[in-house]
Amino acid sequence: MRLLLPIFSFWLLLYSCGIQKVDLPEALNEVSGIEQISKDLYVSINDSGDEPYLYVFNSSGEIVHRVYVSGAKNIDWEDITYDGNYLYIGDIGNNRNQRKDLAIYRIDIDTTIKMAYEGNDSGNRLKDTVEALRYSFQYPDQKEFPPQASQMNFDSEALAYDNGNLLILSKDRSKPYKGVCKIYEGEFLEDKLNVKLLQEIKLKGFSWLTGSVTGCDYSNGMLYVLTYKRVYVYKRVNDQFNFLLKKNLGRIQQWEGVCLDSNNLIRVVAEKSRLGKQKLRTINIWE
């Protein structure tokens, strides 16, 4: 009994701090991005190195379906976002800042995954393949491919939907490191995304390991920004984002995706690395 008490107290402490976590299966060892598409269903992707698949899993971390995305190529998928009908995949990874083929893929998720699970699909069967529409884009302030080392801030791992447009947040790779995140907004124009720069923000961190943005989500005027160390919350007022609060995630891990779920809780996912296993963590950011 004495041995059980410290263990019980440890888990009680985790719950009281608003933190829960589960391991994800090996199939998601390169997990990058997460979105909730139904009450207990989440969808995610792996980044570069995997085939173009969507992975549907529940809050226990169990994969319930895998869907092939036809018409898409996973050059460096980094994040996903959802508008209630369509899922958007960001092929936006650009480590060397030299890509001219950055793209967003749009998928009708409602008729392929969500409706089948909710019993609203007349065929009552999940599709194994979905078609994607491709939207190309470039950053308006990038003139060189790659730019000089001091200007290398055209990589991105963060994508969010906002009232018909997309938000794209940069991952700073400048040398020396500046810790600046650029917030872009993209408007859909036929097969292209018209991108403009809205604002630059600077997150706490002395290096790219703790200060660079690795994911984001947007809901009800709030922008949730993820790093390996923290989640930051900004409130949007017109075209400006004002800092509200931050939440520490504990020891540094390779957190690669964040979303706000239907219970107003934050879900973050980490890929497998020397910092730890692939996992899903749930956080009450307001505590």
Protein backbone atom coordinates (compact mmCIF):
# COMPACT_ATOMS: atom_id res chain seq x y z
CA MET A 1 0.00 0.00 0.00
CA ARG A 2 2.86 2.36 0.84
CA LEU A 3 4.35 1.71 -2.60
CA LEU A 4 1.05 2.45 -4.32
CA LEU A 5 0.52 5.79 -2.61
CA PRO A 6 3.42 7.63 -4.32
CA ILE A 7 2.32 6.27 -7.73
CA PHE A 8 -1.29 7.33 -7.11
CA SER A 9 -0.12 10.75 -5.95
CA PHE A 10 1.98 11.16 -9.11
CA TRP A 11 -0.96 10.50 -11.42
CA LEU A 12 -3.22 12.69 -9.30
CA LEU A 13 -0.70 15.48 -9.69
CA LEU A 14 -0.67 15.06 -13.48
CA TYR A 15 -4.44 15.28 -13.67
CA SER A 16 -4.60 18.23 -11.29
CA CYS A 17 -2.10 20.04 -13.54
CA GLY A 18 -4.36 19.38 -16.50
CA ILE A 19 -1.92 17.08 -18.31
CA GLN A 20 -2.65 13.61 -19.70
CA LYS A 21 -0.66 11.66 -22.28
CA VAL A 22 -0.77 8.43 -24.28
CA ASP A 23 1.75 6.80 -26.59
CA LEU A 24 1.00 6.74 -30.31
CA PRO A 25 1.65 3.68 -32.51
CA GLU A 26 4.86 3.26 -34.49
CA ALA A 27 3.01 4.12 -37.72
CA LEU A 28 2.93 7.72 -36.44
CA ASN A 29 6.59 7.99 -35.45
CA GLU A 30 6.95 11.03 -37.75
CA VAL A 31 3.63 12.57 -36.71
CA SER A 32 3.25 16.20 -37.72
CA GLY A 33 -0.01 18.07 -37.16
CA ILE A 34 -3.30 17.12 -35.54
CA GLU A 35 -6.95 18.12 -36.02
CA GLN A 36 -10.15 16.98 -34.33
CA ILE A 37 -12.76 15.98 -36.94
CA SER A 38 -15.39 14.44 -34.66
CA LYS A 39 -16.09 13.94 -30.95
CA ASP A 40 -13.42 11.28 -30.41
CA LEU A 41 -11.71 11.26 -33.80
CA TYR A 42 -8.50 12.98 -34.76
CA VAL A 43 -6.60 13.06 -38.02
CA SER A 44 -2.88 13.45 -38.48
CA ILE A 45 -0.07 13.05 -41.00
CA ASN A 46 3.57 12.05 -41.05
CA ASP A 47 6.07 14.51 -42.45
CA SER A 48 8.59 13.90 -45.25
CA GLY A 49 9.57 10.28 -45.77
CA ASP A 50 6.06 8.82 -45.65
CA GLU A 51 3.60 8.17 -48.44
CA PRO A 52 0.68 10.64 -48.74
CA TYR A 53 -1.57 9.13 -46.05
CA LEU A 54 -4.02 10.52 -43.52
CA TYR A 55 -4.20 8.67 -40.19
CA VAL A 56 -7.46 8.69 -38.23
CA PHE A 57 -7.13 7.83 -34.53
CA ASN A 58 -9.02 8.18 -31.26
CA SER A 59 -8.09 9.82 -27.95
CA SER A 60 -6.55 6.54 -26.78
CA GLY A 61 -4.03 6.77 -29.61
CA GLU A 62 -5.51 3.84 -31.55
CA ILE A 63 -5.41 4.20 -35.36
CA VAL A 64 -8.85 3.32 -36.73
CA HIS A 65 -8.27 4.06 -40.41
CA ARG A 66 -5.63 5.10 -42.94
CA VAL A 67 -6.55 6.99 -46.10
CA TYR A 68 -4.41 7.48 -49.21
CA VAL A 69 -4.42 11.03 -50.62
CA SER A 70 -4.52 10.81 -54.40
CA GLY A 71 -3.15 13.71 -56.43
CA ALA A 72 -0.75 14.72 -53.66
CA LYS A 73 2.93 14.21 -52.99
CA ASN A 74 4.47 14.30 -49.54
CA ILE A 75 7.58 16.38 -50.18
CA ASP A 76 7.55 17.79 -46.66
CA TRP A 77 4.09 17.77 -45.10
CA GLU A 78 4.21 19.66 -41.82
CA ASP A 79 0.74 20.60 -40.57
CA ILE A 80 -2.99 20.21 -41.16
CA THR A 81 -6.05 22.33 -40.45
CA TYR A 82 -9.81 21.87 -40.74
CA ASP A 83 -12.73 24.19 -41.53
CA GLY A 84 -15.59 21.82 -40.66
CA ASN A 85 -15.88 20.45 -44.19
CA TYR A 86 -12.44 20.45 -45.74
CA LEU A 87 -9.07 19.37 -44.43
CA TYR A 88 -6.00 21.33 -45.55
CA ILE A 89 -2.53 19.75 -45.65
CA GLY A 90 0.48 22.05 -45.64
CA ASP A 91 3.34 20.85 -47.85
CA ILE A 92 5.28 23.75 -46.41
CA GLY A 93 8.47 22.27 -44.95
CA ASN A 94 11.38 24.25 -46.37
CA ASN A 95 14.45 23.56 -44.23
CA ARG A 96 16.91 24.99 -46.74
CA ASN A 97 14.64 27.90 -47.72
CA GLN A 98 15.04 27.05 -51.41
CA ARG A 99 11.72 25.45 -52.41
CA LYS A 100 9.64 26.97 -55.20
CA ASP A 101 6.96 24.26 -55.08
CA LEU A 102 5.27 24.99 -51.73
CA ALA A 103 1.65 23.86 -51.72
CA ILE A 104 -1.58 23.39 -49.80
CA TYR A 105 -3.78 20.34 -50.47
CA ARG A 106 -7.55 20.51 -49.84
CA ILE A 107 -9.57 17.36 -49.11
CA ASP A 108 -13.31 16.90 -48.61
CA ILE A 109 -13.06 15.18 -45.24
CA ASP A 110 -16.78 15.25 -44.41
CA THR A 111 -17.84 12.78 -47.07
CA THR A 112 -14.86 10.48 -46.76
CA ILE A 113 -14.19 9.99 -43.06
CA LYS A 114 -16.31 11.97 -40.61
CA MET A 115 -19.76 11.14 -41.99
CA ALA A 116 -19.03 7.43 -42.16
CA TYR A 117 -18.09 7.32 -38.49
CA GLU A 118 -21.11 9.36 -37.45
CA GLY A 119 -23.46 7.05 -39.37
CA ASN A 120 -24.49 9.69 -41.89
CA ASP A 121 -22.81 8.17 -44.94
CA SER A 122 -25.33 6.33 -47.11
CA GLY A 123 -22.65 3.84 -48.13
CA ASN A 124 -21.68 3.44 -44.47
CA ARG A 125 -18.13 2.62 -45.53
CA LEU A 126 -14.90 4.51 -45.17
CA LYS A 127 -13.09 5.31 -48.36
CA ASP A 128 -9.50 4.14 -48.66
CA THR A 129 -8.57 6.90 -51.14
CA VAL A 130 -9.47 10.59 -51.33
CA GLU A 131 -8.77 13.17 -54.04
CA ALA A 132 -6.87 16.36 -53.24
CA LEU A 133 -6.93 19.79 -54.86
CA ARG A 134 -3.56 21.54 -54.96
CA TYR A 135 -2.92 25.26 -54.33
CA SER A 136 0.60 26.57 -54.94
CA PHE A 137 2.07 29.64 -53.23
CA GLN A 138 5.22 31.62 -52.55
CA TYR A 139 6.14 34.09 -49.83
CA PRO A 140 5.87 37.68 -51.10
CA ASP A 141 9.03 38.81 -49.27
CA GLN A 142 11.30 36.00 -50.48
CA LYS A 143 13.48 37.11 -53.39
CA GLU A 144 16.35 34.60 -53.22
CA PHE A 145 16.21 30.76 -53.17
CA PRO A 146 17.90 30.24 -50.77
CA PRO A 147 18.39 33.65 -49.14
CA GLN A 148 21.47 34.65 -47.18
CA ALA A 149 21.91 32.82 -43.86
CA SER A 150 20.80 35.87 -41.87
CA GLN A 151 17.47 35.93 -43.80
CA MET A 152 16.57 32.22 -43.65
CA ASN A 153 13.02 32.50 -42.30
CA PHE A 154 10.91 30.87 -45.03
CA ASP A 155 10.49 27.44 -43.52
CA SER A 156 7.14 26.60 -41.91
CA GLU A 157 5.57 23.87 -39.80
CA ALA A 158 2.39 25.72 -38.79
CA LEU A 159 -0.92 26.07 -40.64
CA ALA A 160 -4.37 27.19 -39.43
CA TYR A 161 -7.76 28.01 -40.96
CA ASP A 162 -9.32 31.42 -40.26
CA ASN A 163 -12.65 32.49 -41.78
CA GLY A 164 -12.01 31.41 -45.37
CA ASN A 165 -8.26 32.07 -45.36
CA LEU A 166 -5.20 30.23 -44.09
CA LEU A 167 -2.61 31.38 -41.59
CA ILE A 168 0.98 30.22 -42.18
CA LEU A 169 3.60 30.78 -39.48
CA SER A 170 7.31 30.69 -40.26
CA LYS A 171 10.03 28.70 -38.51
CA ASP A 172 13.12 30.84 -38.09
CA ARG A 173 16.36 29.22 -39.35
CA SER A 174 18.40 32.41 -39.55
CA LYS A 175 22.06 32.45 -38.53
CA PRO A 176 22.65 34.05 -36.12
CA TYR A 177 19.28 33.01 -34.71
CA LYS A 178 16.80 35.87 -34.27
CA GLY A 179 13.75 33.98 -32.95
CA VAL A 180 11.28 35.80 -35.23
CA CYS A 181 8.05 34.14 -36.37
CA LYS A 182 6.35 35.70 -39.40
CA ILE A 183 2.57 35.36 -39.63
CA TYR A 184 1.26 35.17 -43.19
CA GLU A 185 -2.34 35.05 -44.41
CA GLY A 186 -3.30 33.22 -47.60
CA GLU A 187 -6.38 33.86 -49.74
CA PHE A 188 -7.62 31.16 -52.15
CA LEU A 189 -7.52 32.14 -55.85
CA GLU A 190 -8.47 29.25 -58.17
CA ASP A 191 -5.38 26.97 -58.00
CA LYS A 192 -3.16 29.39 -56.07
CA LEU A 193 -2.89 30.90 -52.61
CA ASN A 194 -2.32 34.65 -52.53
CA VAL A 195 -0.10 35.19 -49.47
CA LYS A 196 0.58 38.41 -47.58
CA LEU A 197 2.66 39.13 -44.48
CA LEU A 198 0.59 40.29 -41.50
CA GLN A 199 2.96 40.52 -38.55
CA GLU A 200 6.19 39.39 -36.93
CA ILE A 201 6.25 38.03 -33.39
CA LYS A 202 9.12 36.90 -31.20
CA LEU A 203 8.79 33.95 -28.84
CA LYS A 204 10.84 33.26 -25.75
CA GLY A 205 13.85 31.06 -26.50
CA PHE A 206 17.59 31.38 -26.90
CA SER A 207 17.82 28.98 -29.86
CA TRP A 208 15.65 27.36 -32.54
CA LEU A 209 15.22 24.38 -30.19
CA THR A 210 13.08 26.32 -27.71
CA GLY A 211 11.93 29.35 -29.67
CA SER A 212 10.92 28.12 -33.13
CA VAL A 213 7.30 27.49 -34.11
CA THR A 214 6.40 23.86 -34.87
CA GLY A 215 2.60 24.02 -35.12
CA CYS A 216 -0.46 26.21 -34.62
CA ASP A 217 -4.25 26.25 -34.44
CA TYR A 218 -6.86 29.01 -34.60
CA SER A 219 -10.32 29.15 -33.03
CA ASN A 220 -12.72 31.94 -32.02
CA GLY A 221 -10.19 34.70 -32.49
CA MET A 222 -7.42 32.88 -30.62
CA LEU A 223 -4.15 31.72 -32.20
CA TYR A 224 -2.41 28.81 -30.44
CA VAL A 225 1.31 28.64 -31.23
CA LEU A 226 3.43 25.57 -30.45
CA THR A 227 7.15 25.20 -29.77
CA TYR A 228 9.14 22.30 -28.32
CA LYS A 229 8.81 23.93 -24.91
CA ARG A 230 5.53 25.90 -24.73
CA VAL A 231 2.12 26.72 -26.13
CA TYR A 232 1.51 30.45 -26.62
CA VAL A 233 -1.92 32.05 -27.02
CA TYR A 234 -2.52 35.23 -29.04
CA LYS A 235 -5.76 37.11 -29.58
CA ARG A 236 -6.43 38.45 -33.06
CA VAL A 237 -7.60 42.05 -33.39
CA ASN A 238 -8.01 42.91 -37.09
CA ASP A 239 -4.62 41.98 -38.63
CA GLN A 240 -2.67 42.03 -35.36
CA PHE A 241 -2.06 39.24 -32.86
CA ASN A 242 -1.70 40.25 -29.22
CA PHE A 243 -0.05 37.98 -26.66
CA LEU A 244 -2.34 36.60 -23.92
CA LEU A 245 -0.58 33.75 -22.11
CA LYS A 246 1.80 30.82 -22.38
CA LYS A 247 1.82 27.29 -20.97
CA ASN A 248 4.98 25.29 -20.32
CA LEU A 249 4.95 21.71 -21.61
CA GLY A 250 7.57 20.39 -19.21
CA ARG A 251 10.81 18.95 -20.51
CA ILE A 252 11.65 19.64 -24.14
CA GLN A 253 10.18 17.17 -26.64
CA GLN A 254 9.70 17.26 -30.39
CA TRP A 255 6.15 18.58 -30.30
CA GLU A 256 4.96 18.85 -33.90
CA GLY A 257 1.21 19.53 -33.87
CA VAL A 258 -1.45 21.29 -31.79
CA CYS A 259 -5.23 21.66 -31.88
CA LEU A 260 -8.02 22.93 -29.64
CA ASP A 261 -10.60 20.18 -29.14
CA SER A 262 -14.37 20.40 -28.57
CA ASN A 263 -13.86 20.44 -24.78
CA ASN A 264 -11.62 23.53 -25.00
CA LEU A 265 -8.57 21.39 -24.22
CA ILE A 266 -5.27 21.54 -26.08
CA ARG A 267 -4.04 18.38 -27.84
CA VAL A 268 -0.38 18.23 -28.83
CA VAL A 269 1.52 15.45 -30.62
CA ALA A 270 5.24 14.67 -30.57
CA GLU A 271 7.18 12.66 -33.10
CA LYS A 272 9.72 10.03 -32.14
CA SER A 273 13.20 11.41 -31.53
CA ARG A 274 16.09 11.24 -29.11
CA LEU A 275 13.94 13.49 -26.90
CA GLY A 276 11.23 10.84 -26.47
CA LYS A 277 8.63 8.55 -28.06
CA GLN A 278 5.78 9.62 -30.33
CA LYS A 279 2.84 10.61 -28.12
CA LEU A 280 -0.41 12.51 -27.70
CA ARG A 281 -0.78 14.88 -24.76
CA THR A 282 -3.89 16.66 -23.49
CA ILE A 283 -3.52 19.96 -21.64
CA ASN A 284 -5.88 22.37 -19.93
CA ILE A 285 -4.14 25.56 -20.95
CA TRP A 286 -6.43 27.76 -18.85
CA GLU A 287 -5.38 26.27 -15.49
